[in-house]
Amino acid sequence: MLFFPPFLGGTLFSNTDPLQMLLPFVAFCLISSAAYVFNDLFDKENDRHHPDKCARPIASGRVSVAAALMFGALLLTCSLVLGWNISPAFFMLMAAYFFVSIAYSIWLKDVALMDLSCISAGFLLRLQAGGAAYNVSISVWLFLSVFLLSLFLSAGKRLSEKQRLGDSAANHRKVLAAYPKGFLEGAIYITGGSVLVTYSMYVISRHSSLLYYSVPLCCFGLLRFIFRIRSGKSGDPTESLVRDVPLLIVGVAWVCMVGWGIYGR
């Protein structure tokens, strides 16, 4: 997500210093890792009831709470020092991301709709941080596309968890019991359709004829993700992209098509 602004803005290869390109990525990896460590600390009891997450190091007891706290603090410190040296704006966006992540872990993950909003905010802060780090302005249509796509993915993930865990879903994640029947299904259909509209408007605003042909790929990818969830498979976005061959092919094809449309002229 950090590389979206320079990639779509046509400036990904304009910087000849690879270190300057990689440092923002490393800094955000560190702070997001710190956020995940603290999230696993807060979630360790709930994770023990989950069929997959019970094997996580903290939940399983392989890593002590004290060791996890020290590791999380080290990651956080290194990320903030690195972020400050990149730019004050980038540092502030990193700090905001961590604040949202901690608020989510402590409280907002149990509040219906706020949990989805926090996940979406994480994507948007990554996008804005990429713009700040690489001096690229974020298009309104790109902002809206990422916002709606993140809501689509997070709603899909929640629906997948609710389907897979069944009656024990609330033992793992309390907020799953707060969503009425059919709500999450409706959410993915609404946000999925909206993503298609905003992405189409973004493509039209770029005035590149080749990019128009990436819209069917976007449509297929959205439908494939919905199909995957409604078939009872995992709704984790990363797992879906890596393990679902059609989605992986569409993702690679989208990158190649958009990349050629922007850089092949």
C-alpha atoms as a PDB file:
ATOM      1  CA  MET A   1       0.000   0.000   0.000  1.00  0.00           C
ATOM      2  CA  LEU A   2       2.932   2.360   0.651  1.00  0.00           C
ATOM      3  CA  PHE A   3       4.115   1.868  -2.928  1.00  0.00           C
ATOM      4  CA  PHE A   4       0.663   2.530  -4.438  1.00  0.00           C
ATOM      5  CA  PRO A   5       1.134   6.340  -4.705  1.00  0.00           C
ATOM      6  CA  PRO A   6       4.510   6.260  -6.504  1.00  0.00           C
ATOM      7  CA  PHE A   7       3.524   3.226  -8.606  1.00  0.00           C
ATOM      8  CA  LEU A   8       0.228   4.715  -9.782  1.00  0.00           C
ATOM      9  CA  GLY A   9       1.706   8.218  -9.943  1.00  0.00           C
ATOM     10  CA  GLY A  10       4.374   7.111 -12.418  1.00  0.00           C
ATOM     11  CA  THR A  11       7.304   7.997 -10.131  1.00  0.00           C
ATOM     12  CA  LEU A  12       8.229   4.558  -8.787  1.00  0.00           C
ATOM     13  CA  PHE A  13      11.500   4.450 -10.733  1.00  0.00           C
ATOM     14  CA  SER A  14      12.323   8.150 -10.664  1.00  0.00           C
ATOM     15  CA  ASN A  15      14.350   7.835  -7.442  1.00  0.00           C
ATOM     16  CA  THR A  16      17.761   6.333  -8.184  1.00  0.00           C
ATOM     17  CA  ASP A  17      18.552   5.652  -4.514  1.00  0.00           C
ATOM     18  CA  PRO A  18      17.082   2.229  -3.562  1.00  0.00           C
ATOM     19  CA  LEU A  19      17.629   2.928   0.133  1.00  0.00           C
ATOM     20  CA  GLN A  20      15.367   5.979   0.081  1.00  0.00           C
ATOM     21  CA  MET A  21      12.653   3.869  -1.552  1.00  0.00           C
ATOM     22  CA  LEU A  22      12.958   1.034   0.964  1.00  0.00           C
ATOM     23  CA  LEU A  23      13.301   2.982   4.235  1.00  0.00           C
ATOM     24  CA  PRO A  24       9.597   4.012   4.477  1.00  0.00           C
ATOM     25  CA  PHE A  25       8.609   0.412   3.759  1.00  0.00           C
ATOM     26  CA  VAL A  26      10.932  -0.890   6.477  1.00  0.00           C
ATOM     27  CA  ALA A  27       9.735   1.737   8.975  1.00  0.00           C
ATOM     28  CA  PHE A  28       6.072   0.841   8.420  1.00  0.00           C
ATOM     29  CA  CYS A  29       6.840  -2.878   8.580  1.00  0.00           C
ATOM     30  CA  LEU A  30       8.436  -2.300  11.979  1.00  0.00           C
ATOM     31  CA  ILE A  31       5.568  -0.251  13.416  1.00  0.00           C
ATOM     32  CA  SER A  32       2.880  -2.569  12.035  1.00  0.00           C
ATOM     33  CA  SER A  33       4.785  -5.518  13.490  1.00  0.00           C
ATOM     34  CA  ALA A  34       4.874  -3.749  16.854  1.00  0.00           C
ATOM     35  CA  ALA A  35       1.120  -3.188  16.618  1.00  0.00           C
ATOM     36  CA  TYR A  36       0.573  -6.891  15.851  1.00  0.00           C
ATOM     37  CA  VAL A  37       2.705  -7.915  18.828  1.00  0.00           C
ATOM     38  CA  PHE A  38       0.634  -5.769  21.190  1.00  0.00           C
ATOM     39  CA  ASN A  39      -2.571  -6.958  19.521  1.00  0.00           C
ATOM     40  CA  ASP A  40      -1.555 -10.586  20.144  1.00  0.00           C
ATOM     41  CA  LEU A  41      -0.878  -9.698  23.767  1.00  0.00           C
ATOM     42  CA  PHE A  42      -4.344  -8.212  24.198  1.00  0.00           C
ATOM     43  CA  ASP A  43      -5.950 -11.079  22.251  1.00  0.00           C
ATOM     44  CA  LYS A  44      -4.090 -14.007  23.769  1.00  0.00           C
ATOM     45  CA  GLU A  45      -7.099 -15.339  25.701  1.00  0.00           C
ATOM     46  CA  ASN A  46      -9.475 -15.107  22.741  1.00  0.00           C
ATOM     47  CA  ASP A  47      -6.881 -16.587  20.378  1.00  0.00           C
ATOM     48  CA  ARG A  48      -6.730 -19.721  22.514  1.00  0.00           C
ATOM     49  CA  HIS A  49     -10.334 -20.457  21.479  1.00  0.00           C
ATOM     50  CA  HIS A  50      -9.582 -20.049  17.764  1.00  0.00           C
ATOM     51  CA  PRO A  51      -8.804 -23.189  15.705  1.00  0.00           C
ATOM     52  CA  ASP A  52      -5.893 -21.507  13.886  1.00  0.00           C
ATOM     53  CA  LYS A  53      -4.765 -18.622  16.099  1.00  0.00           C
ATOM     54  CA  CYS A  54      -4.328 -20.879  19.136  1.00  0.00           C
ATOM     55  CA  ALA A  55      -0.939 -21.829  17.632  1.00  0.00           C
ATOM     56  CA  ARG A  56       0.340 -18.244  17.739  1.00  0.00           C
ATOM     57  CA  PRO A  57       3.480 -17.862  19.909  1.00  0.00           C
ATOM     58  CA  ILE A  58       1.904 -15.783  22.705  1.00  0.00           C
ATOM     59  CA  ALA A  59      -1.434 -17.612  22.792  1.00  0.00           C
ATOM     60  CA  SER A  60       0.300 -21.006  22.864  1.00  0.00           C
ATOM     61  CA  GLY A  61       2.720 -19.911  25.588  1.00  0.00           C
ATOM     62  CA  ARG A  62       5.870 -20.376  23.505  1.00  0.00           C
ATOM     63  CA  VAL A  63       6.668 -16.672  23.997  1.00  0.00           C
ATOM     64  CA  SER A  64       6.222 -15.073  27.418  1.00  0.00           C
ATOM     65  CA  VAL A  65       4.313 -11.835  27.958  1.00  0.00           C
ATOM     66  CA  ALA A  66       7.480 -10.092  29.211  1.00  0.00           C
ATOM     67  CA  ALA A  67       9.478 -11.118  26.139  1.00  0.00           C
ATOM     68  CA  ALA A  68       6.664  -9.994  23.823  1.00  0.00           C
ATOM     69  CA  LEU A  69       6.464  -6.600  25.565  1.00  0.00           C
ATOM     70  CA  MET A  70      10.206  -6.048  25.199  1.00  0.00           C
ATOM     71  CA  PHE A  71      10.155  -7.082  21.557  1.00  0.00           C
ATOM     72  CA  GLY A  72       7.142  -4.871  20.780  1.00  0.00           C
ATOM     73  CA  ALA A  73       8.767  -1.876  22.501  1.00  0.00           C
ATOM     74  CA  LEU A  74      11.988  -2.422  20.541  1.00  0.00           C
ATOM     75  CA  LEU A  75      10.114  -2.581  17.231  1.00  0.00           C
ATOM     76  CA  LEU A  76       8.124   0.549  18.093  1.00  0.00           C
ATOM     77  CA  THR A  77      11.201   2.554  19.089  1.00  0.00           C
ATOM     78  CA  CYS A  78      13.165   1.609  15.972  1.00  0.00           C
ATOM     79  CA  SER A  79      10.219   2.400  13.704  1.00  0.00           C
ATOM     80  CA  LEU A  80       9.591   5.840  15.204  1.00  0.00           C
ATOM     81  CA  VAL A  81      13.268   6.825  15.043  1.00  0.00           C
ATOM     82  CA  LEU A  82      13.428   5.729  11.425  1.00  0.00           C
ATOM     83  CA  GLY A  83      10.112   7.429  10.602  1.00  0.00           C
ATOM     84  CA  TRP A  84      11.215  10.754  12.068  1.00  0.00           C
ATOM     85  CA  ASN A  85      14.338  10.690   9.897  1.00  0.00           C
ATOM     86  CA  ILE A  86      12.220  10.174   6.778  1.00  0.00           C
ATOM     87  CA  SER A  87       9.932  13.181   7.338  1.00  0.00           C
ATOM     88  CA  PRO A  88       7.780  14.710  10.116  1.00  0.00           C
ATOM     89  CA  ALA A  89       4.599  14.119   8.063  1.00  0.00           C
ATOM     90  CA  PHE A  90       5.479  10.441   7.606  1.00  0.00           C
ATOM     91  CA  PHE A  91       6.244  10.176  11.331  1.00  0.00           C
ATOM     92  CA  MET A  92       2.846  11.633  12.266  1.00  0.00           C
ATOM     93  CA  LEU A  93       1.014   9.216   9.968  1.00  0.00           C
ATOM     94  CA  MET A  94       2.960   6.300  11.457  1.00  0.00           C
ATOM     95  CA  ALA A  95       2.092   7.462  14.975  1.00  0.00           C
ATOM     96  CA  ALA A  96      -1.578   7.816  13.999  1.00  0.00           C
ATOM     97  CA  TYR A  97      -1.540   4.283  12.571  1.00  0.00           C
ATOM     98  CA  PHE A  98      -0.123   2.901  15.819  1.00  0.00           C
ATOM     99  CA  PHE A  99      -2.640   4.857  17.913  1.00  0.00           C
ATOM    100  CA  VAL A 100      -5.552   3.507  15.846  1.00  0.00           C
ATOM    101  CA  SER A 101      -4.134  -0.020  16.083  1.00  0.00           C
ATOM    102  CA  ILE A 102      -3.834   0.129  19.866  1.00  0.00           C
ATOM    103  CA  ALA A 103      -7.309   1.672  20.250  1.00  0.00           C
ATOM    104  CA  TYR A 104      -8.634  -1.157  18.085  1.00  0.00           C
ATOM    105  CA  SER A 105      -6.845  -3.832  20.126  1.00  0.00           C
ATOM    106  CA  ILE A 106      -7.964  -2.475  23.502  1.00  0.00           C
ATOM    107  CA  TRP A 107     -11.555  -1.460  22.815  1.00  0.00           C
ATOM    108  CA  LEU A 108     -12.792  -0.718  19.295  1.00  0.00           C
ATOM    109  CA  LYS A 109     -12.465  -4.282  18.005  1.00  0.00           C
ATOM    110  CA  ASP A 110     -15.506  -5.128  20.155  1.00  0.00           C
ATOM    111  CA  VAL A 111     -17.651  -2.279  18.789  1.00  0.00           C
ATOM    112  CA  ALA A 112     -19.698  -3.089  15.687  1.00  0.00           C
ATOM    113  CA  LEU A 113     -18.750  -0.992  12.628  1.00  0.00           C
ATOM    114  CA  MET A 114     -15.904   0.671  14.529  1.00  0.00           C
ATOM    115  CA  ASP A 115     -13.847  -2.498  14.096  1.00  0.00           C
ATOM    116  CA  LEU A 116     -14.308  -2.306  10.328  1.00  0.00           C
ATOM    117  CA  SER A 117     -13.585   1.440  10.359  1.00  0.00           C
ATOM    118  CA  CYS A 118     -10.313   0.940  12.237  1.00  0.00           C
ATOM    119  CA  ILE A 119      -9.118  -1.639   9.728  1.00  0.00           C
ATOM    120  CA  SER A 120     -10.043   0.707   6.902  1.00  0.00           C
ATOM    121  CA  ALA A 121      -8.214   3.572   8.630  1.00  0.00           C
ATOM    122  CA  GLY A 122      -5.087   1.422   8.737  1.00  0.00           C
ATOM    123  CA  PHE A 123      -5.155   1.015   4.955  1.00  0.00           C
ATOM    124  CA  LEU A 124      -5.804   4.727   4.393  1.00  0.00           C
ATOM    125  CA  LEU A 125      -2.980   5.773   6.730  1.00  0.00           C
ATOM    126  CA  ARG A 126      -0.614   3.475   4.855  1.00  0.00           C
ATOM    127  CA  LEU A 127      -1.724   5.060   1.580  1.00  0.00           C
ATOM    128  CA  GLN A 128      -1.274   8.597   2.909  1.00  0.00           C
ATOM    129  CA  ALA A 129       2.105   7.662   4.402  1.00  0.00           C
ATOM    130  CA  GLY A 130       3.215   6.442   0.983  1.00  0.00           C
ATOM    131  CA  GLY A 131       2.178   9.775  -0.501  1.00  0.00           C
ATOM    132  CA  ALA A 132       4.074  11.674   2.203  1.00  0.00           C
ATOM    133  CA  ALA A 133       7.208   9.529   1.927  1.00  0.00           C
ATOM    134  CA  TYR A 134       7.461   9.704  -1.864  1.00  0.00           C
ATOM    135  CA  ASN A 135       6.006  13.201  -2.377  1.00  0.00           C
ATOM    136  CA  VAL A 136       3.014  12.042  -4.415  1.00  0.00           C
ATOM    137  CA  SER A 137      -0.444  13.602  -4.075  1.00  0.00           C
ATOM    138  CA  ILE A 138      -3.283  11.124  -3.528  1.00  0.00           C
ATOM    139  CA  SER A 139      -6.126  11.230  -6.051  1.00  0.00           C
ATOM    140  CA  VAL A 140      -9.610  11.575  -4.545  1.00  0.00           C
ATOM    141  CA  TRP A 141     -10.780   8.558  -6.547  1.00  0.00           C
ATOM    142  CA  LEU A 142      -7.796   6.483  -5.370  1.00  0.00           C
ATOM    143  CA  PHE A 143      -8.513   7.479  -1.765  1.00  0.00           C
ATOM    144  CA  LEU A 144     -12.159   6.439  -2.096  1.00  0.00           C
ATOM    145  CA  SER A 145     -11.246   3.198  -3.870  1.00  0.00           C
ATOM    146  CA  VAL A 146      -8.836   2.173  -1.108  1.00  0.00           C
ATOM    147  CA  PHE A 147     -11.322   3.193   1.587  1.00  0.00           C
ATOM    148  CA  LEU A 148     -14.144   1.134   0.095  1.00  0.00           C
ATOM    149  CA  LEU A 149     -11.864  -1.789  -0.799  1.00  0.00           C
ATOM    150  CA  SER A 150     -10.598  -1.978   2.775  1.00  0.00           C
ATOM    151  CA  LEU A 151     -14.187  -2.007   4.088  1.00  0.00           C
ATOM    152  CA  PHE A 152     -15.014  -4.719   1.545  1.00  0.00           C
ATOM    153  CA  LEU A 153     -12.064  -6.879   2.625  1.00  0.00           C
ATOM    154  CA  SER A 154     -12.611  -6.388   6.363  1.00  0.00           C
ATOM    155  CA  ALA A 155     -16.339  -7.156   6.104  1.00  0.00           C
ATOM    156  CA  GLY A 156     -15.462 -10.251   4.092  1.00  0.00           C
ATOM    157  CA  LYS A 157     -12.973 -11.358   6.704  1.00  0.00           C
ATOM    158  CA  ARG A 158     -15.537 -10.919   9.496  1.00  0.00           C
ATOM    159  CA  LEU A 159     -18.149 -12.865   7.527  1.00  0.00           C
ATOM    160  CA  SER A 160     -15.641 -15.641   6.916  1.00  0.00           C
ATOM    161  CA  GLU A 161     -14.835 -15.843  10.629  1.00  0.00           C
ATOM    162  CA  LYS A 162     -18.508 -15.921  11.559  1.00  0.00           C
ATOM    163  CA  GLN A 163     -19.193 -18.734   9.095  1.00  0.00           C
ATOM    164  CA  ARG A 164     -16.163 -20.826  10.025  1.00  0.00           C
ATOM    165  CA  LEU A 165     -16.483 -20.498  13.810  1.00  0.00           C
ATOM    166  CA  GLY A 166     -20.263 -20.959  13.937  1.00  0.00           C
ATOM    167  CA  ASP A 167     -21.809 -20.863  17.421  1.00  0.00           C
ATOM    168  CA  SER A 168     -18.417 -20.336  19.066  1.00  0.00           C
ATOM    169  CA  ALA A 169     -17.655 -17.195  17.022  1.00  0.00           C
ATOM    170  CA  ALA A 170     -18.392 -14.820  19.924  1.00  0.00           C
ATOM    171  CA  ASN A 171     -15.878 -16.672  22.127  1.00  0.00           C
ATOM    172  CA  HIS A 172     -13.122 -15.627  19.765  1.00  0.00           C
ATOM    173  CA  ARG A 173     -14.391 -12.196  18.704  1.00  0.00           C
ATOM    174  CA  LYS A 174     -17.245 -10.578  20.641  1.00  0.00           C
ATOM    175  CA  VAL A 175     -18.205  -8.208  17.844  1.00  0.00           C
ATOM    176  CA  LEU A 176     -19.248 -11.121  15.606  1.00  0.00           C
ATOM    177  CA  ALA A 177     -22.293 -11.619  17.820  1.00  0.00           C
ATOM    178  CA  ALA A 178     -23.237  -7.941  17.390  1.00  0.00           C
ATOM    179  CA  TYR A 179     -23.683  -8.161  13.624  1.00  0.00           C
ATOM    180  CA  PRO A 180     -27.244  -9.251  12.738  1.00  0.00           C
ATOM    181  CA  LYS A 181     -27.828 -12.003  10.235  1.00  0.00           C
ATOM    182  CA  GLY A 182     -27.326 -10.816   6.665  1.00  0.00           C
ATOM    183  CA  PHE A 183     -25.602  -7.546   7.601  1.00  0.00           C
ATOM    184  CA  LEU A 184     -22.055  -8.563   6.661  1.00  0.00           C
ATOM    185  CA  GLU A 185     -23.287 -10.152   3.433  1.00  0.00           C
ATOM    186  CA  GLY A 186     -25.003  -6.875   2.538  1.00  0.00           C
ATOM    187  CA  ALA A 187     -21.877  -4.918   3.477  1.00  0.00           C
ATOM    188  CA  ILE A 188     -19.619  -6.816   1.095  1.00  0.00           C
ATOM    189  CA  TYR A 189     -22.107  -6.467  -1.772  1.00  0.00           C
ATOM    190  CA  ILE A 190     -22.544  -2.712  -1.218  1.00  0.00           C
ATOM    191  CA  THR A 191     -18.838  -1.938  -0.764  1.00  0.00           C
ATOM    192  CA  GLY A 192     -17.828  -4.297  -3.577  1.00  0.00           C
ATOM    193  CA  GLY A 193     -20.104  -2.520  -6.051  1.00  0.00           C
ATOM    194  CA  SER A 194     -18.920   0.859  -4.797  1.00  0.00           C
ATOM    195  CA  VAL A 195     -15.267  -0.120  -5.268  1.00  0.00           C
ATOM    196  CA  LEU A 196     -15.981  -0.978  -8.879  1.00  0.00           C
ATOM    197  CA  VAL A 197     -17.544   2.459  -9.442  1.00  0.00           C
ATOM    198  CA  THR A 198     -14.797   4.490  -7.733  1.00  0.00           C
ATOM    199  CA  TYR A 199     -12.010   2.481  -9.372  1.00  0.00           C
ATOM    200  CA  SER A 200     -13.647   2.991 -12.770  1.00  0.00           C
ATOM    201  CA  MET A 201     -13.758   6.742 -12.111  1.00  0.00           C
ATOM    202  CA  TYR A 202     -10.099   6.673 -11.072  1.00  0.00           C
ATOM    203  CA  VAL A 203      -9.167   4.887 -14.311  1.00  0.00           C
ATOM    204  CA  ILE A 204     -11.176   7.350 -16.403  1.00  0.00           C
ATOM    205  CA  SER A 205      -9.455  10.274 -14.657  1.00  0.00           C
ATOM    206  CA  ARG A 206      -6.043   8.884 -15.699  1.00  0.00           C
ATOM    207  CA  HIS A 207      -6.843   9.148 -19.436  1.00  0.00           C
ATOM    208  CA  SER A 208      -4.952   5.954 -20.315  1.00  0.00           C
ATOM    209  CA  SER A 209      -6.849   3.639 -22.649  1.00  0.00           C
ATOM    210  CA  LEU A 210      -4.965   0.549 -21.444  1.00  0.00           C
ATOM    211  CA  LEU A 211      -6.059   1.157 -17.859  1.00  0.00           C
ATOM    212  CA  TYR A 212      -9.700   0.867 -18.924  1.00  0.00           C
ATOM    213  CA  TYR A 213      -9.152  -2.834 -19.527  1.00  0.00           C
ATOM    214  CA  SER A 214      -8.090  -3.343 -15.904  1.00  0.00           C
ATOM    215  CA  VAL A 215     -11.688  -2.690 -14.779  1.00  0.00           C
ATOM    216  CA  PRO A 216     -12.886  -6.205 -15.805  1.00  0.00           C
ATOM    217  CA  LEU A 217      -9.948  -7.634 -13.824  1.00  0.00           C
ATOM    218  CA  CYS A 218     -11.066  -5.609 -10.805  1.00  0.00           C
ATOM    219  CA  CYS A 219     -14.623  -6.872 -11.242  1.00  0.00           C
ATOM    220  CA  PHE A 220     -13.499 -10.499 -11.483  1.00  0.00           C
ATOM    221  CA  GLY A 221     -11.251 -10.126  -8.423  1.00  0.00           C
ATOM    222  CA  LEU A 222     -14.089  -8.715  -6.312  1.00  0.00           C
ATOM    223  CA  LEU A 223     -16.494 -11.452  -7.408  1.00  0.00           C
ATOM    224  CA  ARG A 224     -13.876 -14.162  -6.846  1.00  0.00           C
ATOM    225  CA  PHE A 225     -13.280 -12.940  -3.277  1.00  0.00           C
ATOM    226  CA  ILE A 226     -17.024 -12.996  -2.565  1.00  0.00           C
ATOM    227  CA  PHE A 227     -17.287 -16.455  -4.121  1.00  0.00           C
ATOM    228  CA  ARG A 228     -14.410 -17.663  -1.964  1.00  0.00           C
ATOM    229  CA  ILE A 229     -16.032 -16.409   1.248  1.00  0.00           C
ATOM    230  CA  ARG A 230     -19.500 -17.711   0.425  1.00  0.00           C
ATOM    231  CA  SER A 231     -17.907 -21.100  -0.302  1.00  0.00           C
ATOM    232  CA  GLY A 232     -16.714 -21.271   3.307  1.00  0.00           C
ATOM    233  CA  LYS A 233     -13.036 -20.498   2.707  1.00  0.00           C
ATOM    234  CA  SER A 234     -10.831 -18.065   4.590  1.00  0.00           C
ATOM    235  CA  GLY A 235     -11.503 -14.372   4.074  1.00  0.00           C
ATOM    236  CA  ASP A 236      -8.015 -13.253   5.079  1.00  0.00           C
ATOM    237  CA  PRO A 237      -6.922 -10.960   2.201  1.00  0.00           C
ATOM    238  CA  THR A 238      -3.273 -12.074   2.180  1.00  0.00           C
ATOM    239  CA  GLU A 239      -4.107 -15.753   2.395  1.00  0.00           C
ATOM    240  CA  SER A 240      -6.761 -15.364  -0.301  1.00  0.00           C
ATOM    241  CA  LEU A 241      -4.333 -13.671  -2.690  1.00  0.00           C
ATOM    242  CA  VAL A 242      -1.488 -16.138  -2.122  1.00  0.00           C
ATOM    243  CA  ARG A 243      -3.431 -19.405  -1.982  1.00  0.00           C
ATOM    244  CA  ASP A 244      -6.258 -18.722  -4.421  1.00  0.00           C
ATOM    245  CA  VAL A 245      -4.764 -19.276  -7.893  1.00  0.00           C
ATOM    246  CA  PRO A 246      -7.389 -17.295  -9.887  1.00  0.00           C
ATOM    247  CA  LEU A 247      -7.019 -14.316  -7.522  1.00  0.00           C
ATOM    248  CA  LEU A 248      -3.237 -14.502  -7.738  1.00  0.00           C
ATOM    249  CA  ILE A 249      -3.350 -14.576 -11.544  1.00  0.00           C
ATOM    250  CA  VAL A 250      -5.739 -11.608 -11.611  1.00  0.00           C
ATOM    251  CA  GLY A 251      -3.519  -9.698  -9.178  1.00  0.00           C
ATOM    252  CA  VAL A 252      -0.380 -10.251 -11.261  1.00  0.00           C
ATOM    253  CA  ALA A 253      -2.254  -9.421 -14.475  1.00  0.00           C
ATOM    254  CA  TRP A 254      -3.573  -6.191 -12.914  1.00  0.00           C
ATOM    255  CA  VAL A 255      -0.074  -5.096 -11.865  1.00  0.00           C
ATOM    256  CA  CYS A 256       1.325  -5.869 -15.328  1.00  0.00           C
ATOM    257  CA  MET A 257      -1.526  -4.141 -17.173  1.00  0.00           C
ATOM    258  CA  VAL A 258      -1.554  -1.034 -14.986  1.00  0.00           C
ATOM    259  CA  GLY A 259       2.245  -0.906 -14.948  1.00  0.00           C
ATOM    260  CA  TRP A 260       2.398  -1.063 -18.755  1.00  0.00           C
ATOM    261  CA  GLY A 261      -0.333   1.540 -19.047  1.00  0.00           C
ATOM    262  CA  ILE A 262       1.618   3.960 -16.835  1.00  0.00           C
ATOM    263  CA  TYR A 263       5.262   3.201 -17.638  1.00  0.00           C
ATOM    264  CA  GLY A 264       5.079   1.633 -21.108  1.00  0.00           C
ATOM    265  CA  ARG A 265       4.344   4.842 -22.984  1.00  0.00           C
END
